[in-house]
Amino acid sequence: MAEEKKTLEDLKDITSEIKAKAAPAQETDSETVVVQPKIDAQGRSYATGKRKDAVARVWIKPGKGIITINGRDQKIYFARPTLRMIVNQPFGVTSRVGQFDVIATVKGGGLSGQAGAVRHGISKAMTYYEPDLRPALKANGFLTRDARVVERKKYGKAKARKSFQFSKR
């Protein structure tokens, strides 16, 4: 059989035909997905945040920036400034300081875990209220549930990994 020699011009024609056939298919397949806000009848968005053993149920609505946790003000419930800073991080990243009122109920864990749970819940609720804020919150890691938990104690050990003192004699 005689081999057909193809020139570069023939190959360019083939690639242009392939691109022309593929282009209309790509245009019909790629539709921009518009995410609708999830807002209830009272104008609030709800989300659940978790950290360690703490679980926070969080509602946000437009307001003056009042944060209430378990019926108490944020400054009373989280006395340490670092914990208050953790709770307020999502608002600082998205430039929404003082624009949302937050009502949260938290159960389980300690104060540090509860602050992380409230931050996680606020971040998720903000994405439900304003879906455009998702990229900024995701880039800072506020939408990811921190999966680190306390390791369980094993039998024959003093703690999770610590052994009892060894004595040869």
N, C-alpha and C. Protein backbone atom coordinates (compact mmCIF):
# COMPACT_ATOMS: atom_id res chain seq x y z
N MET A 1 0.82 -1.18 0.00
CA MET A 1 0.00 0.00 0.00
C MET A 1 0.87 1.25 0.00
N ALA A 2 0.38 2.22 -0.66
CA ALA A 2 1.13 3.47 -0.73
C ALA A 2 0.72 4.34 0.46
N GLU A 3 1.71 4.86 1.13
CA GLU A 3 1.43 5.72 2.28
C GLU A 3 1.15 7.12 1.79
N GLU A 4 0.14 7.71 2.39
CA GLU A 4 -0.24 9.05 2.02
C GLU A 4 0.56 10.04 2.85
N LYS A 5 1.21 10.98 2.22
CA LYS A 5 1.96 11.99 2.95
C LYS A 5 1.04 13.16 3.22
N LYS A 6 0.96 13.54 4.53
CA LYS A 6 0.10 14.65 4.92
C LYS A 6 0.97 15.85 5.22
N THR A 7 0.54 16.95 4.72
CA THR A 7 1.30 18.18 4.96
C THR A 7 0.75 18.87 6.21
N LEU A 8 1.46 19.86 6.65
CA LEU A 8 1.03 20.61 7.82
C LEU A 8 -0.30 21.33 7.57
N GLU A 9 -0.52 21.75 6.34
CA GLU A 9 -1.77 22.44 6.01
C GLU A 9 -2.96 21.49 6.17
N ASP A 10 -2.78 20.22 5.76
CA ASP A 10 -3.85 19.24 5.93
C ASP A 10 -4.17 19.03 7.41
N LEU A 11 -3.13 18.95 8.24
CA LEU A 11 -3.33 18.75 9.68
C LEU A 11 -4.02 19.96 10.31
N LYS A 12 -3.67 21.17 9.85
CA LYS A 12 -4.32 22.36 10.38
C LYS A 12 -5.81 22.36 10.03
N ASP A 13 -6.12 21.91 8.81
CA ASP A 13 -7.52 21.84 8.41
C ASP A 13 -8.29 20.86 9.30
N ILE A 14 -7.67 19.74 9.59
CA ILE A 14 -8.34 18.72 10.42
C ILE A 14 -8.58 19.25 11.82
N THR A 15 -7.56 19.89 12.41
CA THR A 15 -7.73 20.40 13.78
C THR A 15 -8.77 21.52 13.84
N SER A 16 -8.82 22.35 12.82
CA SER A 16 -9.83 23.42 12.81
C SER A 16 -11.23 22.83 12.68
N GLU A 17 -11.38 21.74 11.91
CA GLU A 17 -12.68 21.09 11.79
C GLU A 17 -13.10 20.47 13.13
N ILE A 18 -12.15 19.86 13.81
CA ILE A 18 -12.46 19.24 15.11
C ILE A 18 -12.89 20.32 16.11
N LYS A 19 -12.16 21.43 16.14
CA LYS A 19 -12.51 22.52 17.06
C LYS A 19 -13.87 23.10 16.73
N ALA A 20 -14.18 23.22 15.45
CA ALA A 20 -15.47 23.77 15.05
C ALA A 20 -16.62 22.86 15.47
N LYS A 21 -16.40 21.55 15.39
CA LYS A 21 -17.44 20.61 15.80
C LYS A 21 -17.60 20.59 17.31
N ALA A 22 -16.49 20.73 18.05
CA ALA A 22 -16.54 20.66 19.51
C ALA A 22 -17.06 21.95 20.14
N ALA A 23 -16.85 23.08 19.51
CA ALA A 23 -17.23 24.38 20.09
C ALA A 23 -18.74 24.50 20.37
N PRO A 24 -19.64 24.15 19.42
CA PRO A 24 -21.07 24.28 19.74
C PRO A 24 -21.50 23.37 20.88
N ALA A 25 -20.89 22.20 20.99
CA ALA A 25 -21.25 21.28 22.06
C ALA A 25 -20.85 21.86 23.42
N GLN A 26 -19.72 22.53 23.48
CA GLN A 26 -19.27 23.12 24.74
C GLN A 26 -20.18 24.28 25.15
N GLU A 27 -20.65 25.05 24.21
CA GLU A 27 -21.49 26.19 24.53
C GLU A 27 -22.82 25.76 25.13
N THR A 28 -23.39 24.68 24.66
CA THR A 28 -24.68 24.23 25.18
C THR A 28 -24.51 23.55 26.53
N ASP A 29 -23.38 22.86 26.77
CA ASP A 29 -23.18 22.14 28.01
C ASP A 29 -22.87 23.08 29.18
N SER A 30 -22.07 24.10 28.94
CA SER A 30 -21.64 24.96 30.05
C SER A 30 -22.64 26.09 30.28
N GLU A 31 -23.50 25.88 31.27
CA GLU A 31 -24.44 26.90 31.68
C GLU A 31 -24.03 27.38 33.06
N THR A 32 -24.09 28.68 33.27
CA THR A 32 -23.71 29.20 34.57
C THR A 32 -24.78 28.84 35.59
N VAL A 33 -24.34 28.23 36.68
CA VAL A 33 -25.25 27.80 37.73
C VAL A 33 -25.40 28.94 38.73
N VAL A 34 -26.62 29.41 38.90
CA VAL A 34 -26.89 30.48 39.84
C VAL A 34 -27.44 29.85 41.12
N VAL A 35 -26.71 30.04 42.23
CA VAL A 35 -27.12 29.47 43.51
C VAL A 35 -28.07 30.45 44.19
N GLN A 36 -29.23 29.95 44.56
CA GLN A 36 -30.23 30.79 45.21
C GLN A 36 -29.97 30.86 46.71
N PRO A 37 -30.14 32.02 47.32
CA PRO A 37 -29.99 32.12 48.78
C PRO A 37 -31.05 31.31 49.50
N LYS A 38 -30.67 30.74 50.67
CA LYS A 38 -31.61 29.97 51.49
C LYS A 38 -32.00 30.83 52.69
N ILE A 39 -33.12 31.53 52.58
CA ILE A 39 -33.58 32.44 53.61
C ILE A 39 -34.99 32.03 54.02
N ASP A 40 -35.23 31.93 55.35
CA ASP A 40 -36.55 31.51 55.82
C ASP A 40 -37.52 32.69 55.86
N ALA A 41 -38.72 32.45 56.38
CA ALA A 41 -39.78 33.47 56.38
C ALA A 41 -39.42 34.68 57.24
N GLN A 42 -38.58 34.49 58.28
CA GLN A 42 -38.18 35.59 59.14
C GLN A 42 -36.96 36.35 58.60
N GLY A 43 -36.48 35.99 57.42
CA GLY A 43 -35.34 36.65 56.81
C GLY A 43 -34.01 36.19 57.36
N ARG A 44 -33.96 34.95 57.88
CA ARG A 44 -32.74 34.41 58.47
C ARG A 44 -32.21 33.26 57.63
N SER A 45 -30.91 33.00 57.80
CA SER A 45 -30.31 31.80 57.23
C SER A 45 -29.79 30.95 58.37
N TYR A 46 -29.95 29.64 58.25
CA TYR A 46 -29.58 28.70 59.32
C TYR A 46 -28.48 27.78 58.85
N ALA A 47 -27.56 27.47 59.75
CA ALA A 47 -26.51 26.49 59.46
C ALA A 47 -26.05 25.85 60.76
N THR A 48 -25.47 24.67 60.64
CA THR A 48 -24.91 23.96 61.78
C THR A 48 -23.39 23.94 61.64
N GLY A 49 -22.70 24.33 62.70
CA GLY A 49 -21.24 24.30 62.71
C GLY A 49 -20.75 23.29 63.73
N LYS A 50 -19.62 22.64 63.43
CA LYS A 50 -19.08 21.63 64.34
C LYS A 50 -17.58 21.80 64.50
N ARG A 51 -17.09 21.48 65.71
CA ARG A 51 -15.66 21.52 66.00
C ARG A 51 -15.44 20.68 67.25
N LYS A 52 -14.53 19.71 67.18
CA LYS A 52 -14.29 18.77 68.28
C LYS A 52 -15.62 18.13 68.68
N ASP A 53 -16.04 18.26 69.94
CA ASP A 53 -17.33 17.70 70.37
C ASP A 53 -18.43 18.75 70.41
N ALA A 54 -18.15 19.97 69.99
CA ALA A 54 -19.12 21.06 70.06
C ALA A 54 -19.95 21.13 68.79
N VAL A 55 -21.23 21.39 68.97
CA VAL A 55 -22.16 21.56 67.84
C VAL A 55 -22.89 22.88 68.05
N ALA A 56 -22.86 23.75 67.04
CA ALA A 56 -23.49 25.06 67.12
C ALA A 56 -24.59 25.17 66.07
N ARG A 57 -25.76 25.60 66.51
CA ARG A 57 -26.85 25.92 65.59
C ARG A 57 -26.87 27.43 65.47
N VAL A 58 -26.73 27.93 64.24
CA VAL A 58 -26.52 29.37 64.03
C VAL A 58 -27.56 29.92 63.06
N TRP A 59 -28.18 31.04 63.46
CA TRP A 59 -29.07 31.79 62.59
C TRP A 59 -28.46 33.17 62.39
N ILE A 60 -28.40 33.65 61.14
CA ILE A 60 -27.94 35.02 60.89
C ILE A 60 -29.04 35.77 60.14
N LYS A 61 -29.10 37.07 60.41
CA LYS A 61 -30.05 37.95 59.73
C LYS A 61 -29.43 39.34 59.69
N PRO A 62 -29.84 40.18 58.75
CA PRO A 62 -29.29 41.53 58.69
C PRO A 62 -29.61 42.28 59.99
N GLY A 63 -28.62 43.03 60.48
CA GLY A 63 -28.83 43.75 61.73
C GLY A 63 -27.67 44.66 62.06
N LYS A 64 -27.44 44.85 63.34
CA LYS A 64 -26.43 45.78 63.84
C LYS A 64 -25.12 45.10 64.25
N GLY A 65 -25.02 43.80 64.11
CA GLY A 65 -23.79 43.09 64.49
C GLY A 65 -23.84 42.51 65.88
N ILE A 66 -25.03 42.30 66.43
CA ILE A 66 -25.18 41.73 67.77
C ILE A 66 -25.03 40.21 67.68
N ILE A 67 -24.14 39.65 68.48
CA ILE A 67 -23.91 38.21 68.49
C ILE A 67 -24.36 37.67 69.85
N THR A 68 -25.37 36.79 69.83
CA THR A 68 -25.92 36.19 71.05
C THR A 68 -25.65 34.69 71.01
N ILE A 69 -25.03 34.18 72.09
CA ILE A 69 -24.71 32.76 72.16
C ILE A 69 -25.35 32.20 73.42
N ASN A 70 -26.21 31.21 73.25
CA ASN A 70 -26.95 30.59 74.35
C ASN A 70 -27.66 31.63 75.22
N GLY A 71 -28.23 32.64 74.58
CA GLY A 71 -28.98 33.67 75.28
C GLY A 71 -28.13 34.73 75.96
N ARG A 72 -26.81 34.65 75.82
CA ARG A 72 -25.92 35.63 76.44
C ARG A 72 -25.14 36.38 75.38
N ASP A 73 -24.69 37.57 75.73
CA ASP A 73 -23.88 38.36 74.81
C ASP A 73 -22.55 37.67 74.55
N GLN A 74 -21.98 37.93 73.40
CA GLN A 74 -20.71 37.31 73.01
C GLN A 74 -19.60 37.63 74.01
N LYS A 75 -19.54 38.86 74.51
CA LYS A 75 -18.47 39.26 75.44
C LYS A 75 -18.59 38.54 76.78
N ILE A 76 -19.78 38.18 77.17
CA ILE A 76 -19.97 37.46 78.43
C ILE A 76 -19.68 35.97 78.23
N TYR A 77 -20.21 35.38 77.14
CA TYR A 77 -20.05 33.94 76.93
C TYR A 77 -18.60 33.58 76.61
N PHE A 78 -17.98 34.32 75.68
CA PHE A 78 -16.57 34.10 75.35
C PHE A 78 -15.78 35.24 75.97
N ALA A 79 -15.31 35.04 77.20
CA ALA A 79 -14.61 36.10 77.95
C ALA A 79 -13.24 36.39 77.35
N ARG A 80 -12.58 35.36 76.80
CA ARG A 80 -11.24 35.56 76.24
C ARG A 80 -11.32 36.26 74.88
N PRO A 81 -10.48 37.26 74.65
CA PRO A 81 -10.52 37.99 73.37
C PRO A 81 -10.19 37.10 72.16
N THR A 82 -9.36 36.08 72.36
CA THR A 82 -9.01 35.20 71.23
C THR A 82 -10.24 34.43 70.74
N LEU A 83 -11.09 34.02 71.67
CA LEU A 83 -12.29 33.28 71.27
C LEU A 83 -13.26 34.19 70.52
N ARG A 84 -13.38 35.45 70.97
CA ARG A 84 -14.23 36.41 70.26
C ARG A 84 -13.67 36.70 68.88
N MET A 85 -12.35 36.76 68.77
CA MET A 85 -11.72 37.00 67.47
C MET A 85 -12.02 35.85 66.51
N ILE A 86 -11.98 34.62 67.02
CA ILE A 86 -12.28 33.44 66.19
C ILE A 86 -13.71 33.53 65.66
N VAL A 87 -14.65 33.91 66.53
CA VAL A 87 -16.06 33.99 66.13
C VAL A 87 -16.26 35.08 65.07
N ASN A 88 -15.52 36.19 65.16
CA ASN A 88 -15.72 37.32 64.25
C ASN A 88 -14.93 37.23 62.96
N GLN A 89 -14.07 36.22 62.80
CA GLN A 89 -13.23 36.11 61.60
C GLN A 89 -14.03 36.09 60.29
N PRO A 90 -15.13 35.34 60.16
CA PRO A 90 -15.84 35.33 58.87
C PRO A 90 -16.34 36.72 58.45
N PHE A 91 -16.71 37.55 59.40
CA PHE A 91 -17.19 38.89 59.06
C PHE A 91 -16.03 39.76 58.57
N GLY A 92 -14.86 39.63 59.18
CA GLY A 92 -13.70 40.42 58.76
C GLY A 92 -13.23 40.06 57.37
N VAL A 93 -13.23 38.77 57.05
CA VAL A 93 -12.76 38.31 55.74
C VAL A 93 -13.68 38.79 54.63
N THR A 94 -14.98 38.82 54.90
CA THR A 94 -15.95 39.17 53.86
C THR A 94 -16.36 40.65 53.91
N SER A 95 -15.73 41.43 54.78
CA SER A 95 -16.05 42.87 54.95
C SER A 95 -17.52 43.08 55.28
N ARG A 96 -18.03 42.30 56.21
CA ARG A 96 -19.42 42.39 56.65
C ARG A 96 -19.51 42.64 58.15
N VAL A 97 -18.53 43.32 58.72
CA VAL A 97 -18.51 43.57 60.16
C VAL A 97 -19.68 44.50 60.51
N GLY A 98 -20.49 44.07 61.49
CA GLY A 98 -21.61 44.88 61.95
C GLY A 98 -22.83 44.85 61.06
N GLN A 99 -22.88 43.96 60.07
CA GLN A 99 -24.02 43.92 59.16
C GLN A 99 -25.01 42.80 59.47
N PHE A 100 -24.59 41.80 60.26
CA PHE A 100 -25.44 40.65 60.55
C PHE A 100 -25.59 40.47 62.05
N ASP A 101 -26.80 40.14 62.49
CA ASP A 101 -27.03 39.69 63.86
C ASP A 101 -26.94 38.18 63.86
N VAL A 102 -26.33 37.63 64.91
CA VAL A 102 -26.13 36.19 65.01
C VAL A 102 -26.80 35.70 66.28
N ILE A 103 -27.59 34.64 66.15
CA ILE A 103 -28.17 33.95 67.29
C ILE A 103 -27.68 32.51 67.20
N ALA A 104 -26.96 32.05 68.24
CA ALA A 104 -26.37 30.70 68.20
C ALA A 104 -26.68 29.96 69.49
N THR A 105 -26.91 28.67 69.36
CA THR A 105 -26.99 27.78 70.52
C THR A 105 -25.90 26.75 70.36
N VAL A 106 -25.10 26.58 71.40
CA VAL A 106 -23.94 25.68 71.33
C VAL A 106 -24.05 24.64 72.43
N LYS A 107 -23.72 23.40 72.11
CA LYS A 107 -23.71 22.32 73.09
C LYS A 107 -22.44 21.50 72.91
N GLY A 108 -21.94 20.98 74.00
CA GLY A 108 -20.81 20.05 73.97
C GLY A 108 -19.47 20.74 73.87
N GLY A 109 -18.42 19.99 74.23
CA GLY A 109 -17.06 20.48 74.11
C GLY A 109 -16.73 21.57 75.10
N GLY A 110 -15.58 22.17 74.89
CA GLY A 110 -15.14 23.28 75.73
C GLY A 110 -15.33 24.59 74.99
N LEU A 111 -14.85 25.67 75.60
CA LEU A 111 -15.05 26.99 75.00
C LEU A 111 -14.33 27.13 73.66
N SER A 112 -13.14 26.58 73.54
CA SER A 112 -12.38 26.69 72.29
C SER A 112 -13.11 25.96 71.15
N GLY A 113 -13.58 24.75 71.44
CA GLY A 113 -14.33 24.01 70.43
C GLY A 113 -15.63 24.69 70.09
N GLN A 114 -16.27 25.29 71.07
CA GLN A 114 -17.53 25.98 70.82
C GLN A 114 -17.32 27.22 69.96
N ALA A 115 -16.22 27.94 70.19
CA ALA A 115 -15.92 29.11 69.36
C ALA A 115 -15.68 28.68 67.92
N GLY A 116 -14.95 27.59 67.72
CA GLY A 116 -14.72 27.08 66.37
C GLY A 116 -16.00 26.61 65.71
N ALA A 117 -16.90 26.02 66.50
CA ALA A 117 -18.18 25.56 65.96
C ALA A 117 -19.05 26.74 65.54
N VAL A 118 -19.04 27.81 66.35
CA VAL A 118 -19.83 28.99 66.00
C VAL A 118 -19.27 29.63 64.74
N ARG A 119 -17.93 29.70 64.63
CA ARG A 119 -17.32 30.27 63.42
C ARG A 119 -17.70 29.46 62.19
N HIS A 120 -17.66 28.15 62.30
CA HIS A 120 -18.03 27.27 61.19
C HIS A 120 -19.50 27.49 60.81
N GLY A 121 -20.37 27.59 61.81
CA GLY A 121 -21.78 27.80 61.55
C GLY A 121 -22.06 29.16 60.92
N ILE A 122 -21.38 30.21 61.40
CA ILE A 122 -21.56 31.55 60.83
C ILE A 122 -21.13 31.55 59.37
N SER A 123 -20.00 30.91 59.09
CA SER A 123 -19.49 30.88 57.71
C SER A 123 -20.48 30.17 56.78
N LYS A 124 -21.01 29.03 57.22
CA LYS A 124 -21.97 28.31 56.38
C LYS A 124 -23.25 29.11 56.19
N ALA A 125 -23.73 29.74 57.27
CA ALA A 125 -24.95 30.54 57.17
C ALA A 125 -24.76 31.74 56.25
N MET A 126 -23.57 32.34 56.28
CA MET A 126 -23.30 33.47 55.39
C MET A 126 -23.32 33.04 53.92
N THR A 127 -22.81 31.83 53.64
CA THR A 127 -22.86 31.35 52.25
C THR A 127 -24.30 31.06 51.83
N TYR A 128 -25.14 30.64 52.76
CA TYR A 128 -26.54 30.42 52.43
C TYR A 128 -27.25 31.75 52.20
N TYR A 129 -26.89 32.78 52.98
CA TYR A 129 -27.54 34.08 52.85
C TYR A 129 -27.04 34.82 51.60
N GLU A 130 -25.70 34.83 51.41
CA GLU A 130 -25.09 35.47 50.24
C GLU A 130 -24.14 34.47 49.58
N PRO A 131 -24.58 33.72 48.57
CA PRO A 131 -23.73 32.71 47.94
C PRO A 131 -22.45 33.28 47.33
N ASP A 132 -22.41 34.59 47.04
CA ASP A 132 -21.20 35.19 46.46
C ASP A 132 -20.04 35.23 47.43
N LEU A 133 -20.30 35.07 48.73
CA LEU A 133 -19.24 35.11 49.74
C LEU A 133 -18.49 33.80 49.85
N ARG A 134 -18.99 32.75 49.22
CA ARG A 134 -18.39 31.41 49.37
C ARG A 134 -16.90 31.36 49.00
N PRO A 135 -16.45 31.94 47.87
CA PRO A 135 -15.02 31.82 47.54
C PRO A 135 -14.10 32.42 48.61
N ALA A 136 -14.47 33.56 49.18
CA ALA A 136 -13.62 34.19 50.19
C ALA A 136 -13.57 33.34 51.46
N LEU A 137 -14.71 32.80 51.87
CA LEU A 137 -14.74 31.98 53.08
C LEU A 137 -14.04 30.65 52.87
N LYS A 138 -14.19 30.08 51.69
CA LYS A 138 -13.56 28.79 51.39
C LYS A 138 -12.04 28.95 51.33
N ALA A 139 -11.57 30.05 50.75
CA ALA A 139 -10.12 30.27 50.63
C ALA A 139 -9.45 30.38 51.99
N ASN A 140 -10.17 30.89 52.98
CA ASN A 140 -9.62 31.02 54.33
C ASN A 140 -9.88 29.79 55.19
N GLY A 141 -10.55 28.77 54.64
CA GLY A 141 -10.74 27.51 55.36
C GLY A 141 -11.86 27.53 56.38
N PHE A 142 -12.77 28.50 56.31
CA PHE A 142 -13.83 28.59 57.30
C PHE A 142 -14.99 27.64 57.01
N LEU A 143 -15.08 27.11 55.81
CA LEU A 143 -16.18 26.20 55.47
C LEU A 143 -15.82 24.74 55.69
N THR A 144 -14.55 24.48 55.97
CA THR A 144 -14.10 23.11 56.19
C THR A 144 -14.26 22.75 57.66
N ARG A 145 -14.90 21.65 57.93
CA ARG A 145 -15.07 21.19 59.30
C ARG A 145 -13.73 20.64 59.78
N ASP A 146 -13.21 21.20 60.85
CA ASP A 146 -11.93 20.75 61.40
C ASP A 146 -12.15 19.40 62.05
N ALA A 147 -11.61 18.36 61.46
CA ALA A 147 -11.92 16.99 61.88
C ALA A 147 -11.08 16.50 63.06
N ARG A 148 -10.17 17.33 63.56
CA ARG A 148 -9.31 16.88 64.66
C ARG A 148 -10.12 16.75 65.94
N VAL A 149 -10.09 15.56 66.52
CA VAL A 149 -10.78 15.29 67.78
C VAL A 149 -9.81 14.59 68.72
N VAL A 150 -10.19 14.51 69.99
CA VAL A 150 -9.34 13.87 70.98
C VAL A 150 -9.29 12.37 70.70
N GLU A 151 -8.08 11.82 70.75
CA GLU A 151 -7.89 10.40 70.50
C GLU A 151 -8.37 9.60 71.69
N ARG A 152 -8.99 8.46 71.44
CA ARG A 152 -9.54 7.66 72.54
C ARG A 152 -8.45 6.96 73.32
N LYS A 153 -8.75 6.64 74.58
CA LYS A 153 -7.81 5.93 75.43
C LYS A 153 -7.85 4.45 75.08
N LYS A 154 -6.65 3.84 74.98
CA LYS A 154 -6.56 2.42 74.68
C LYS A 154 -6.35 1.63 75.97
N TYR A 155 -6.81 0.38 75.96
CA TYR A 155 -6.63 -0.46 77.14
C TYR A 155 -5.15 -0.79 77.30
N GLY A 156 -4.71 -0.94 78.53
CA GLY A 156 -3.29 -1.23 78.82
C GLY A 156 -2.41 -0.01 78.74
N LYS A 157 -3.00 1.16 78.54
CA LYS A 157 -2.24 2.41 78.46
C LYS A 157 -2.75 3.38 79.52
N ALA A 158 -1.88 4.31 79.91
CA ALA A 158 -2.29 5.31 80.90
C ALA A 158 -3.21 6.34 80.27
N LYS A 159 -2.89 6.75 79.03
CA LYS A 159 -3.73 7.68 78.28
C LYS A 159 -3.89 7.10 76.88
N ALA A 160 -4.04 7.93 75.87
CA ALA A 160 -4.24 7.41 74.52
C ALA A 160 -3.00 6.67 74.03
N ARG A 161 -1.80 7.23 74.31
CA ARG A 161 -0.56 6.59 73.86
C ARG A 161 0.46 6.39 74.97
N LYS A 162 0.30 7.09 76.07
CA LYS A 162 1.27 7.02 77.16
C LYS A 162 1.21 5.67 77.85
N SER A 163 2.39 5.06 78.04
CA SER A 163 2.46 3.78 78.72
C SER A 163 2.74 4.00 80.19
N PHE A 164 2.48 2.95 80.98
CA PHE A 164 2.85 3.00 82.38
C PHE A 164 4.37 2.87 82.49
N GLN A 165 4.93 3.31 83.60
CA GLN A 165 6.38 3.26 83.78
C GLN A 165 6.87 1.82 83.74
N PHE A 166 7.94 1.60 82.95
CA PHE A 166 8.49 0.25 82.81
C PHE A 166 9.52 0.00 83.90
N SER A 167 9.44 -1.15 84.54
CA SER A 167 10.43 -1.54 85.55
C SER A 167 10.99 -2.90 85.19
N LYS A 168 12.31 -2.98 85.04
CA LYS A 168 12.93 -4.25 84.66
C LYS A 168 12.96 -5.20 85.85
N ARG A 169 13.17 -4.67 87.07
CA ARG A 169 13.23 -5.51 88.27
C ARG A 169 12.32 -5.01 89.33
